[in-house]
Amino acid sequence: MKTKLIILTSMVLATMISSFTSKKGISIEGAWTFVEVKTVKPDGTTISTFPKQSLAIFSGRDYSFCWTSHDLKLRSWQVADSVKLSRFNQSIINTGTFTLKDSILTTRAVFAMAPMFSDGGVAKFKCSFSGDTLILKGLSVVSSENIAHPAYANGSYFVSKLLINKK
C-alpha cells in the first residue's frame, strides 16, 4: 500500500512539474516568402492580395519585409513614371529590428517606403503556425509619433501568410 501511495504521489508531482515547464518558443529565423496578405475589415469581410515577388528575412535581431502585388511585364531600365508609381503603390518595403516574446512579434522600422513608418514605426503581430506556414496577425501599426496606421485606426487589420524558403 505504501509503495502504491509513493508511486501515485510521484506521478502527480511529475504531472504538476511538467505542466509548469515552459513550452519551446517559436522560431521565425530565416528567409520567408509572402504567399498571401489579407485585409480583414471591421465587419469581417476580407480582401486577399497574393504577392508576385516577396521576401521576409529574420536574422538575429534584424528583419526586412519586401513584397509587391504588381506584375511588371516590362523588362527595361527605362520605365515610365506611371509604371513606377503603380508598382510603388502595390509594394511594401520596410526594414529594422525585431523582438519575439512568447508569440508576439514586434518590429521597429529603421527604413520604410511609407514615410510615417520610417525612423521608429512599430508593428506588432501575433505569430502562429499552420503546418509550415507562418501566420502574422497584425495587432497594431503606429508611427514613431504614435499615430495609428489608418487601417488599424478604422478597426481593420492584416493577416500575412509566409512560407520558409528551402535551403
N, C-alpha and C. Protein backbone atom coordinates (compact mmCIF):
# COMPACT_ATOMS: atom_id res chain seq x y z
N MET A 1 0.83 -1.19 0.00
CA MET A 1 0.00 0.00 0.00
C MET A 1 0.87 1.25 0.00
N LYS A 2 1.92 1.24 0.84
CA LYS A 2 2.81 2.38 0.93
C LYS A 2 3.52 2.62 -0.40
N THR A 3 3.92 1.56 -1.08
CA THR A 3 4.58 1.67 -2.38
C THR A 3 3.64 2.28 -3.41
N LYS A 4 2.38 1.85 -3.40
CA LYS A 4 1.40 2.40 -4.35
C LYS A 4 1.18 3.89 -4.10
N LEU A 5 1.16 4.30 -2.83
CA LEU A 5 0.97 5.70 -2.49
C LEU A 5 2.17 6.54 -2.95
N ILE A 6 3.37 6.01 -2.80
CA ILE A 6 4.58 6.70 -3.25
C ILE A 6 4.56 6.85 -4.77
N ILE A 7 4.19 5.79 -5.48
CA ILE A 7 4.13 5.83 -6.94
C ILE A 7 3.08 6.83 -7.40
N LEU A 8 1.91 6.79 -6.77
CA LEU A 8 0.84 7.72 -7.13
C LEU A 8 1.25 9.16 -6.85
N THR A 9 1.88 9.42 -5.72
CA THR A 9 2.35 10.76 -5.38
C THR A 9 3.41 11.23 -6.38
N SER A 10 4.31 10.34 -6.75
CA SER A 10 5.35 10.68 -7.73
C SER A 10 4.75 11.04 -9.08
N MET A 11 3.72 10.28 -9.49
CA MET A 11 3.07 10.56 -10.77
C MET A 11 2.37 11.92 -10.74
N VAL A 12 1.70 12.23 -9.63
CA VAL A 12 1.02 13.52 -9.51
C VAL A 12 2.03 14.66 -9.54
N LEU A 13 3.15 14.50 -8.81
CA LEU A 13 4.19 15.54 -8.81
C LEU A 13 4.80 15.71 -10.20
N ALA A 14 5.05 14.62 -10.88
CA ALA A 14 5.63 14.70 -12.22
C ALA A 14 4.68 15.43 -13.17
N THR A 15 3.39 15.14 -13.06
CA THR A 15 2.40 15.82 -13.89
C THR A 15 2.36 17.31 -13.59
N MET A 16 2.39 17.66 -12.30
CA MET A 16 2.36 19.07 -11.91
C MET A 16 3.60 19.80 -12.41
N ILE A 17 4.77 19.20 -12.25
CA ILE A 17 6.02 19.84 -12.68
C ILE A 17 6.03 20.02 -14.19
N SER A 18 5.59 19.01 -14.92
CA SER A 18 5.61 19.13 -16.39
C SER A 18 4.63 20.19 -16.87
N SER A 19 3.56 20.44 -16.12
CA SER A 19 2.61 21.47 -16.55
C SER A 19 3.16 22.86 -16.32
N PHE A 20 4.17 23.01 -15.46
CA PHE A 20 4.75 24.32 -15.19
C PHE A 20 5.97 24.62 -16.05
N THR A 21 6.48 23.65 -16.75
CA THR A 21 7.64 23.91 -17.60
C THR A 21 7.18 24.66 -18.83
N SER A 22 8.03 25.57 -19.30
CA SER A 22 7.65 26.40 -20.45
C SER A 22 7.78 25.61 -21.73
N LYS A 23 6.91 25.92 -22.65
CA LYS A 23 6.97 25.29 -23.97
C LYS A 23 8.11 25.94 -24.74
N LYS A 24 8.67 25.18 -25.66
CA LYS A 24 9.74 25.72 -26.50
C LYS A 24 9.19 26.88 -27.32
N GLY A 25 9.91 28.00 -27.32
CA GLY A 25 9.47 29.18 -28.06
C GLY A 25 9.49 28.93 -29.55
N ILE A 26 8.69 29.71 -30.26
CA ILE A 26 8.67 29.57 -31.71
C ILE A 26 9.88 30.28 -32.31
N SER A 27 10.30 29.81 -33.45
CA SER A 27 11.42 30.43 -34.15
C SER A 27 10.95 30.88 -35.53
N ILE A 28 11.31 32.12 -35.86
CA ILE A 28 10.98 32.64 -37.19
C ILE A 28 12.26 32.97 -37.97
N GLU A 29 13.39 32.59 -37.43
CA GLU A 29 14.70 32.86 -38.04
C GLU A 29 14.72 32.31 -39.46
N GLY A 30 15.24 33.11 -40.41
CA GLY A 30 15.40 32.65 -41.77
C GLY A 30 14.77 33.56 -42.79
N ALA A 31 14.70 33.06 -44.02
CA ALA A 31 14.12 33.80 -45.15
C ALA A 31 12.78 33.17 -45.51
N TRP A 32 11.79 34.02 -45.70
CA TRP A 32 10.42 33.60 -45.94
C TRP A 32 9.87 34.27 -47.20
N THR A 33 8.84 33.66 -47.79
CA THR A 33 8.13 34.23 -48.92
C THR A 33 6.69 34.52 -48.50
N PHE A 34 6.23 35.75 -48.77
CA PHE A 34 4.83 36.09 -48.52
C PHE A 34 3.99 35.39 -49.58
N VAL A 35 2.99 34.62 -49.17
CA VAL A 35 2.11 33.95 -50.13
C VAL A 35 0.72 34.58 -50.15
N GLU A 36 0.35 35.27 -49.06
CA GLU A 36 -0.95 35.95 -49.02
C GLU A 36 -0.89 37.05 -47.97
N VAL A 37 -1.48 38.18 -48.30
CA VAL A 37 -1.67 39.26 -47.34
C VAL A 37 -3.16 39.60 -47.39
N LYS A 38 -3.82 39.39 -46.27
CA LYS A 38 -5.26 39.57 -46.21
C LYS A 38 -5.60 40.78 -45.35
N THR A 39 -6.50 41.62 -45.85
CA THR A 39 -7.05 42.72 -45.07
C THR A 39 -8.37 42.25 -44.49
N VAL A 40 -8.51 42.34 -43.17
CA VAL A 40 -9.77 41.96 -42.52
C VAL A 40 -10.42 43.26 -42.04
N LYS A 41 -11.60 43.54 -42.56
CA LYS A 41 -12.32 44.77 -42.23
C LYS A 41 -13.16 44.58 -40.97
N PRO A 42 -13.56 45.68 -40.34
CA PRO A 42 -14.32 45.57 -39.08
C PRO A 42 -15.58 44.71 -39.18
N ASP A 43 -16.21 44.66 -40.35
CA ASP A 43 -17.42 43.84 -40.50
C ASP A 43 -17.11 42.38 -40.81
N GLY A 44 -15.80 42.03 -40.85
CA GLY A 44 -15.39 40.64 -41.09
C GLY A 44 -15.11 40.31 -42.54
N THR A 45 -15.45 41.20 -43.46
CA THR A 45 -15.14 40.93 -44.87
C THR A 45 -13.63 41.01 -45.07
N THR A 46 -13.15 40.28 -46.07
CA THR A 46 -11.71 40.22 -46.31
C THR A 46 -11.39 40.51 -47.77
N ILE A 47 -10.19 41.02 -47.96
CA ILE A 47 -9.63 41.22 -49.29
C ILE A 47 -8.24 40.60 -49.26
N SER A 48 -7.99 39.66 -50.15
CA SER A 48 -6.69 39.00 -50.19
C SER A 48 -5.84 39.51 -51.34
N THR A 49 -4.56 39.69 -51.04
CA THR A 49 -3.56 40.05 -52.04
C THR A 49 -2.54 38.92 -52.07
N PHE A 50 -2.13 38.55 -53.27
CA PHE A 50 -1.16 37.47 -53.43
C PHE A 50 0.09 38.06 -54.06
N PRO A 51 1.10 38.35 -53.25
CA PRO A 51 2.31 39.00 -53.78
C PRO A 51 2.94 38.21 -54.92
N LYS A 52 3.41 38.96 -55.93
CA LYS A 52 4.08 38.36 -57.09
C LYS A 52 5.56 38.12 -56.78
N GLN A 53 6.17 39.05 -56.04
CA GLN A 53 7.57 38.94 -55.62
C GLN A 53 7.61 39.33 -54.16
N SER A 54 8.40 38.60 -53.36
CA SER A 54 8.45 38.94 -51.94
C SER A 54 9.63 38.29 -51.24
N LEU A 55 9.95 38.86 -50.10
CA LEU A 55 10.97 38.29 -49.23
C LEU A 55 10.81 38.89 -47.85
N ALA A 56 10.84 38.04 -46.84
CA ALA A 56 10.89 38.47 -45.45
C ALA A 56 12.10 37.77 -44.84
N ILE A 57 12.92 38.53 -44.14
CA ILE A 57 14.12 37.96 -43.53
C ILE A 57 14.12 38.30 -42.04
N PHE A 58 14.35 37.29 -41.21
CA PHE A 58 14.56 37.46 -39.78
C PHE A 58 15.92 36.86 -39.47
N SER A 59 16.84 37.71 -39.03
CA SER A 59 18.20 37.25 -38.78
C SER A 59 18.73 37.94 -37.52
N GLY A 60 19.01 37.14 -36.50
CA GLY A 60 19.47 37.73 -35.24
C GLY A 60 18.37 38.60 -34.68
N ARG A 61 18.59 39.91 -34.69
CA ARG A 61 17.54 40.85 -34.23
C ARG A 61 17.07 41.77 -35.35
N ASP A 62 17.50 41.49 -36.59
CA ASP A 62 17.15 42.33 -37.74
C ASP A 62 16.09 41.64 -38.60
N TYR A 63 15.25 42.49 -39.21
CA TYR A 63 14.23 41.97 -40.12
C TYR A 63 14.17 42.85 -41.37
N SER A 64 13.57 42.29 -42.40
CA SER A 64 13.29 43.04 -43.62
C SER A 64 12.04 42.44 -44.27
N PHE A 65 11.10 43.32 -44.64
CA PHE A 65 9.90 42.90 -45.37
C PHE A 65 9.89 43.61 -46.71
N CYS A 66 9.72 42.86 -47.78
CA CYS A 66 9.57 43.42 -49.12
C CYS A 66 8.57 42.56 -49.87
N TRP A 67 7.54 43.19 -50.41
CA TRP A 67 6.63 42.46 -51.30
C TRP A 67 5.89 43.42 -52.21
N THR A 68 5.51 42.88 -53.36
CA THR A 68 4.70 43.65 -54.30
C THR A 68 3.68 42.73 -54.95
N SER A 69 2.51 43.30 -55.19
CA SER A 69 1.48 42.58 -55.95
C SER A 69 1.47 43.05 -57.41
N HIS A 70 2.39 43.97 -57.74
CA HIS A 70 2.49 44.49 -59.09
C HIS A 70 3.12 43.45 -60.00
N ASP A 71 2.51 43.25 -61.15
CA ASP A 71 3.01 42.27 -62.11
C ASP A 71 3.69 43.03 -63.26
N LEU A 72 4.98 43.27 -63.10
CA LEU A 72 5.72 44.03 -64.10
C LEU A 72 6.15 43.11 -65.24
N LYS A 73 5.54 43.32 -66.37
CA LYS A 73 5.87 42.50 -67.55
C LYS A 73 6.99 43.13 -68.36
N LEU A 74 7.14 44.43 -68.23
CA LEU A 74 8.17 45.17 -68.97
C LEU A 74 9.54 44.89 -68.37
N ARG A 75 10.50 44.52 -69.20
CA ARG A 75 11.87 44.30 -68.76
C ARG A 75 12.74 45.36 -69.41
N SER A 76 12.94 46.47 -68.70
CA SER A 76 13.70 47.57 -69.25
C SER A 76 14.24 48.42 -68.11
N TRP A 77 15.39 49.05 -68.33
CA TRP A 77 15.92 50.01 -67.35
C TRP A 77 15.17 51.33 -67.43
N GLN A 78 14.54 51.57 -68.54
CA GLN A 78 13.77 52.80 -68.74
C GLN A 78 12.29 52.48 -68.58
N VAL A 79 11.71 52.89 -67.45
CA VAL A 79 10.32 52.60 -67.15
C VAL A 79 9.59 53.92 -66.93
N ALA A 80 8.41 54.04 -67.51
CA ALA A 80 7.63 55.27 -67.38
C ALA A 80 7.29 55.54 -65.91
N ASP A 81 7.21 56.81 -65.55
CA ASP A 81 6.87 57.20 -64.18
C ASP A 81 5.53 56.62 -63.74
N SER A 82 4.57 56.51 -64.64
CA SER A 82 3.27 55.95 -64.29
C SER A 82 3.39 54.48 -63.87
N VAL A 83 4.30 53.73 -64.51
CA VAL A 83 4.52 52.33 -64.16
C VAL A 83 5.22 52.26 -62.80
N LYS A 84 6.20 53.15 -62.57
CA LYS A 84 6.89 53.19 -61.28
C LYS A 84 5.92 53.49 -60.16
N LEU A 85 5.03 54.45 -60.40
CA LEU A 85 4.06 54.84 -59.38
C LEU A 85 3.09 53.69 -59.09
N SER A 86 2.65 53.01 -60.12
CA SER A 86 1.76 51.88 -59.94
C SER A 86 2.44 50.79 -59.11
N ARG A 87 3.70 50.50 -59.43
CA ARG A 87 4.45 49.49 -58.68
C ARG A 87 4.65 49.93 -57.24
N PHE A 88 5.00 51.19 -57.04
CA PHE A 88 5.20 51.75 -55.70
C PHE A 88 3.94 51.58 -54.86
N ASN A 89 2.77 51.87 -55.43
CA ASN A 89 1.51 51.80 -54.70
C ASN A 89 1.06 50.38 -54.39
N GLN A 90 1.71 49.40 -54.99
CA GLN A 90 1.36 47.99 -54.75
C GLN A 90 2.49 47.25 -54.03
N SER A 91 3.37 48.00 -53.37
CA SER A 91 4.54 47.39 -52.73
C SER A 91 4.68 47.83 -51.28
N ILE A 92 5.27 46.96 -50.49
CA ILE A 92 5.61 47.25 -49.09
C ILE A 92 7.10 46.96 -48.92
N ILE A 93 7.82 47.91 -48.38
CA ILE A 93 9.23 47.69 -48.04
C ILE A 93 9.49 48.37 -46.71
N ASN A 94 9.97 47.60 -45.75
CA ASN A 94 10.47 48.18 -44.51
C ASN A 94 11.45 47.22 -43.87
N THR A 95 12.36 47.79 -43.11
CA THR A 95 13.43 47.02 -42.51
C THR A 95 13.84 47.66 -41.20
N GLY A 96 14.33 46.86 -40.28
CA GLY A 96 14.73 47.39 -38.98
C GLY A 96 15.08 46.26 -38.03
N THR A 97 14.64 46.41 -36.78
CA THR A 97 14.92 45.40 -35.76
C THR A 97 13.61 44.78 -35.28
N PHE A 98 13.74 43.60 -34.66
CA PHE A 98 12.54 42.93 -34.14
C PHE A 98 12.84 42.23 -32.83
N THR A 99 11.77 42.00 -32.09
CA THR A 99 11.82 41.13 -30.92
C THR A 99 10.66 40.14 -31.04
N LEU A 100 10.85 38.96 -30.49
CA LEU A 100 9.81 37.94 -30.46
C LEU A 100 9.72 37.43 -29.03
N LYS A 101 8.65 37.77 -28.36
CA LYS A 101 8.46 37.35 -26.97
C LYS A 101 7.16 36.58 -26.90
N ASP A 102 7.25 35.36 -26.38
CA ASP A 102 6.12 34.44 -26.43
C ASP A 102 5.73 34.32 -27.89
N SER A 103 4.56 34.72 -28.29
CA SER A 103 4.19 34.63 -29.70
C SER A 103 3.94 36.01 -30.30
N ILE A 104 4.44 37.06 -29.64
CA ILE A 104 4.22 38.42 -30.13
C ILE A 104 5.50 38.93 -30.80
N LEU A 105 5.39 39.22 -32.10
CA LEU A 105 6.48 39.78 -32.88
C LEU A 105 6.30 41.30 -32.90
N THR A 106 7.35 42.01 -32.51
CA THR A 106 7.34 43.47 -32.56
C THR A 106 8.45 43.92 -33.48
N THR A 107 8.10 44.67 -34.52
CA THR A 107 9.11 45.22 -35.43
C THR A 107 9.22 46.71 -35.20
N ARG A 108 10.43 47.22 -35.33
CA ARG A 108 10.68 48.67 -35.22
C ARG A 108 11.46 49.07 -36.47
N ALA A 109 10.80 49.84 -37.33
CA ALA A 109 11.38 50.19 -38.63
C ALA A 109 12.49 51.22 -38.49
N VAL A 110 13.56 51.00 -39.25
CA VAL A 110 14.62 51.98 -39.42
C VAL A 110 14.37 52.70 -40.75
N PHE A 111 13.97 51.93 -41.76
CA PHE A 111 13.65 52.46 -43.08
C PHE A 111 12.34 51.85 -43.56
N ALA A 112 11.54 52.66 -44.22
CA ALA A 112 10.31 52.17 -44.84
C ALA A 112 9.96 53.07 -46.01
N MET A 113 9.28 52.51 -47.00
CA MET A 113 8.81 53.33 -48.12
C MET A 113 7.76 54.33 -47.64
N ALA A 114 6.95 53.93 -46.68
CA ALA A 114 5.94 54.84 -46.12
C ALA A 114 6.63 55.77 -45.12
N PRO A 115 6.69 57.06 -45.40
CA PRO A 115 7.40 57.99 -44.52
C PRO A 115 6.93 57.96 -43.07
N MET A 116 5.65 57.71 -42.82
CA MET A 116 5.14 57.67 -41.45
C MET A 116 5.70 56.48 -40.66
N PHE A 117 6.17 55.46 -41.37
CA PHE A 117 6.66 54.26 -40.68
C PHE A 117 8.17 54.29 -40.49
N SER A 118 8.88 55.13 -41.23
CA SER A 118 10.34 55.23 -41.10
C SER A 118 10.73 55.78 -39.74
N ASP A 119 11.96 55.55 -39.36
CA ASP A 119 12.54 56.12 -38.14
C ASP A 119 11.76 55.77 -36.88
N GLY A 120 11.39 54.50 -36.72
CA GLY A 120 10.82 54.07 -35.45
C GLY A 120 9.38 53.65 -35.45
N GLY A 121 8.77 53.49 -36.62
CA GLY A 121 7.41 52.95 -36.66
C GLY A 121 7.41 51.55 -36.06
N VAL A 122 6.36 51.22 -35.35
CA VAL A 122 6.29 49.93 -34.65
C VAL A 122 5.06 49.15 -35.12
N ALA A 123 5.28 47.89 -35.47
CA ALA A 123 4.18 46.98 -35.81
C ALA A 123 4.25 45.78 -34.87
N LYS A 124 3.09 45.35 -34.40
CA LYS A 124 3.01 44.17 -33.54
C LYS A 124 2.12 43.13 -34.21
N PHE A 125 2.58 41.88 -34.13
CA PHE A 125 1.89 40.76 -34.74
C PHE A 125 1.78 39.61 -33.76
N LYS A 126 0.71 38.86 -33.86
CA LYS A 126 0.57 37.58 -33.17
C LYS A 126 1.06 36.53 -34.14
N CYS A 127 2.08 35.76 -33.74
CA CYS A 127 2.66 34.72 -34.61
C CYS A 127 2.04 33.37 -34.29
N SER A 128 1.74 32.64 -35.34
CA SER A 128 1.31 31.25 -35.18
C SER A 128 1.73 30.48 -36.42
N PHE A 129 1.61 29.18 -36.34
CA PHE A 129 1.94 28.31 -37.47
C PHE A 129 0.74 27.45 -37.81
N SER A 130 0.55 27.22 -39.10
CA SER A 130 -0.38 26.22 -39.59
C SER A 130 0.42 25.35 -40.53
N GLY A 131 0.84 24.21 -40.04
CA GLY A 131 1.76 23.37 -40.81
C GLY A 131 3.08 24.11 -40.98
N ASP A 132 3.52 24.30 -42.24
CA ASP A 132 4.78 25.00 -42.50
C ASP A 132 4.56 26.47 -42.84
N THR A 133 3.36 26.98 -42.59
CA THR A 133 3.03 28.37 -42.89
C THR A 133 3.09 29.23 -41.62
N LEU A 134 3.88 30.30 -41.68
CA LEU A 134 3.93 31.28 -40.61
C LEU A 134 2.80 32.26 -40.83
N ILE A 135 1.99 32.48 -39.80
CA ILE A 135 0.87 33.41 -39.90
C ILE A 135 1.14 34.58 -38.96
N LEU A 136 1.15 35.79 -39.53
CA LEU A 136 1.35 37.01 -38.75
C LEU A 136 0.04 37.79 -38.76
N LYS A 137 -0.63 37.80 -37.62
CA LYS A 137 -1.89 38.56 -37.49
C LYS A 137 -1.54 39.91 -36.90
N GLY A 138 -1.78 40.97 -37.66
CA GLY A 138 -1.46 42.31 -37.21
C GLY A 138 -2.28 42.71 -36.00
N LEU A 139 -1.59 43.22 -34.98
CA LEU A 139 -2.27 43.72 -33.78
C LEU A 139 -2.31 45.24 -33.76
N SER A 140 -1.23 45.86 -34.23
CA SER A 140 -1.19 47.32 -34.29
C SER A 140 -0.03 47.76 -35.17
N VAL A 141 -0.18 48.94 -35.76
CA VAL A 141 0.88 49.59 -36.52
C VAL A 141 0.78 51.08 -36.20
N VAL A 142 1.88 51.63 -35.66
CA VAL A 142 1.90 53.05 -35.31
C VAL A 142 3.21 53.68 -35.79
N SER A 143 3.14 54.98 -36.05
CA SER A 143 4.33 55.74 -36.43
C SER A 143 5.17 56.00 -35.19
N SER A 144 6.36 56.57 -35.39
CA SER A 144 7.20 56.91 -34.24
C SER A 144 6.54 57.98 -33.38
N GLU A 145 5.56 58.70 -33.94
CA GLU A 145 4.80 59.71 -33.18
C GLU A 145 3.56 59.09 -32.54
N ASN A 146 3.45 57.75 -32.61
CA ASN A 146 2.33 57.00 -32.04
C ASN A 146 1.00 57.28 -32.74
N ILE A 147 1.06 57.56 -34.04
CA ILE A 147 -0.15 57.76 -34.85
C ILE A 147 -0.47 56.43 -35.52
N ALA A 148 -1.68 55.93 -35.29
CA ALA A 148 -2.07 54.62 -35.82
C ALA A 148 -2.17 54.64 -37.34
N HIS A 149 -1.78 53.53 -37.96
CA HIS A 149 -1.99 53.32 -39.39
C HIS A 149 -3.49 53.45 -39.64
N PRO A 150 -3.89 54.10 -40.74
CA PRO A 150 -5.32 54.32 -40.99
C PRO A 150 -6.17 53.05 -40.95
N ALA A 151 -5.67 51.94 -41.47
CA ALA A 151 -6.46 50.70 -41.45
C ALA A 151 -6.75 50.27 -40.02
N TYR A 152 -5.73 50.31 -39.16
CA TYR A 152 -5.92 49.90 -37.77
C TYR A 152 -6.79 50.91 -37.03
N ALA A 153 -6.63 52.19 -37.34
CA ALA A 153 -7.46 53.23 -36.70
C ALA A 153 -8.94 53.03 -37.03
N ASN A 154 -9.22 52.45 -38.20
CA ASN A 154 -10.60 52.22 -38.62
C ASN A 154 -11.12 50.84 -38.22
N GLY A 155 -10.32 50.07 -37.47
CA GLY A 155 -10.77 48.76 -37.00
C GLY A 155 -10.40 47.58 -37.88
N SER A 156 -9.69 47.82 -38.96
CA SER A 156 -9.23 46.72 -39.81
C SER A 156 -7.89 46.20 -39.29
N TYR A 157 -7.46 45.07 -39.83
CA TYR A 157 -6.12 44.55 -39.53
C TYR A 157 -5.69 43.66 -40.69
N PHE A 158 -4.40 43.29 -40.69
CA PHE A 158 -3.83 42.49 -41.76
C PHE A 158 -3.38 41.13 -41.23
N VAL A 159 -3.53 40.12 -42.06
CA VAL A 159 -3.03 38.78 -41.75
C VAL A 159 -2.14 38.38 -42.91
N SER A 160 -0.87 38.10 -42.61
CA SER A 160 0.08 37.68 -43.65
C SER A 160 0.42 36.21 -43.46
N LYS A 161 0.50 35.50 -44.57
CA LYS A 161 0.91 34.10 -44.55
C LYS A 161 2.22 33.99 -45.31
N LEU A 162 3.21 33.34 -44.66
CA LEU A 162 4.53 33.21 -45.24
C LEU A 162 5.00 31.76 -45.22
N LEU A 163 5.77 31.37 -46.22
CA LEU A 163 6.40 30.05 -46.28
C LEU A 163 7.91 30.22 -46.17
N ILE A 164 8.55 29.34 -45.41
CA ILE A 164 10.00 29.39 -45.25
C ILE A 164 10.65 29.04 -46.60
N ASN A 165 11.70 29.75 -46.95
CA ASN A 165 12.44 29.43 -48.16
C ASN A 165 13.33 28.23 -47.87
N LYS A 166 13.25 27.23 -48.70
CA LYS A 166 14.05 26.00 -48.52
C LYS A 166 15.48 26.28 -48.91
N LYS A 167 16.40 25.65 -48.21
CA LYS A 167 17.83 25.84 -48.49
C LYS A 167 18.27 25.03 -49.66
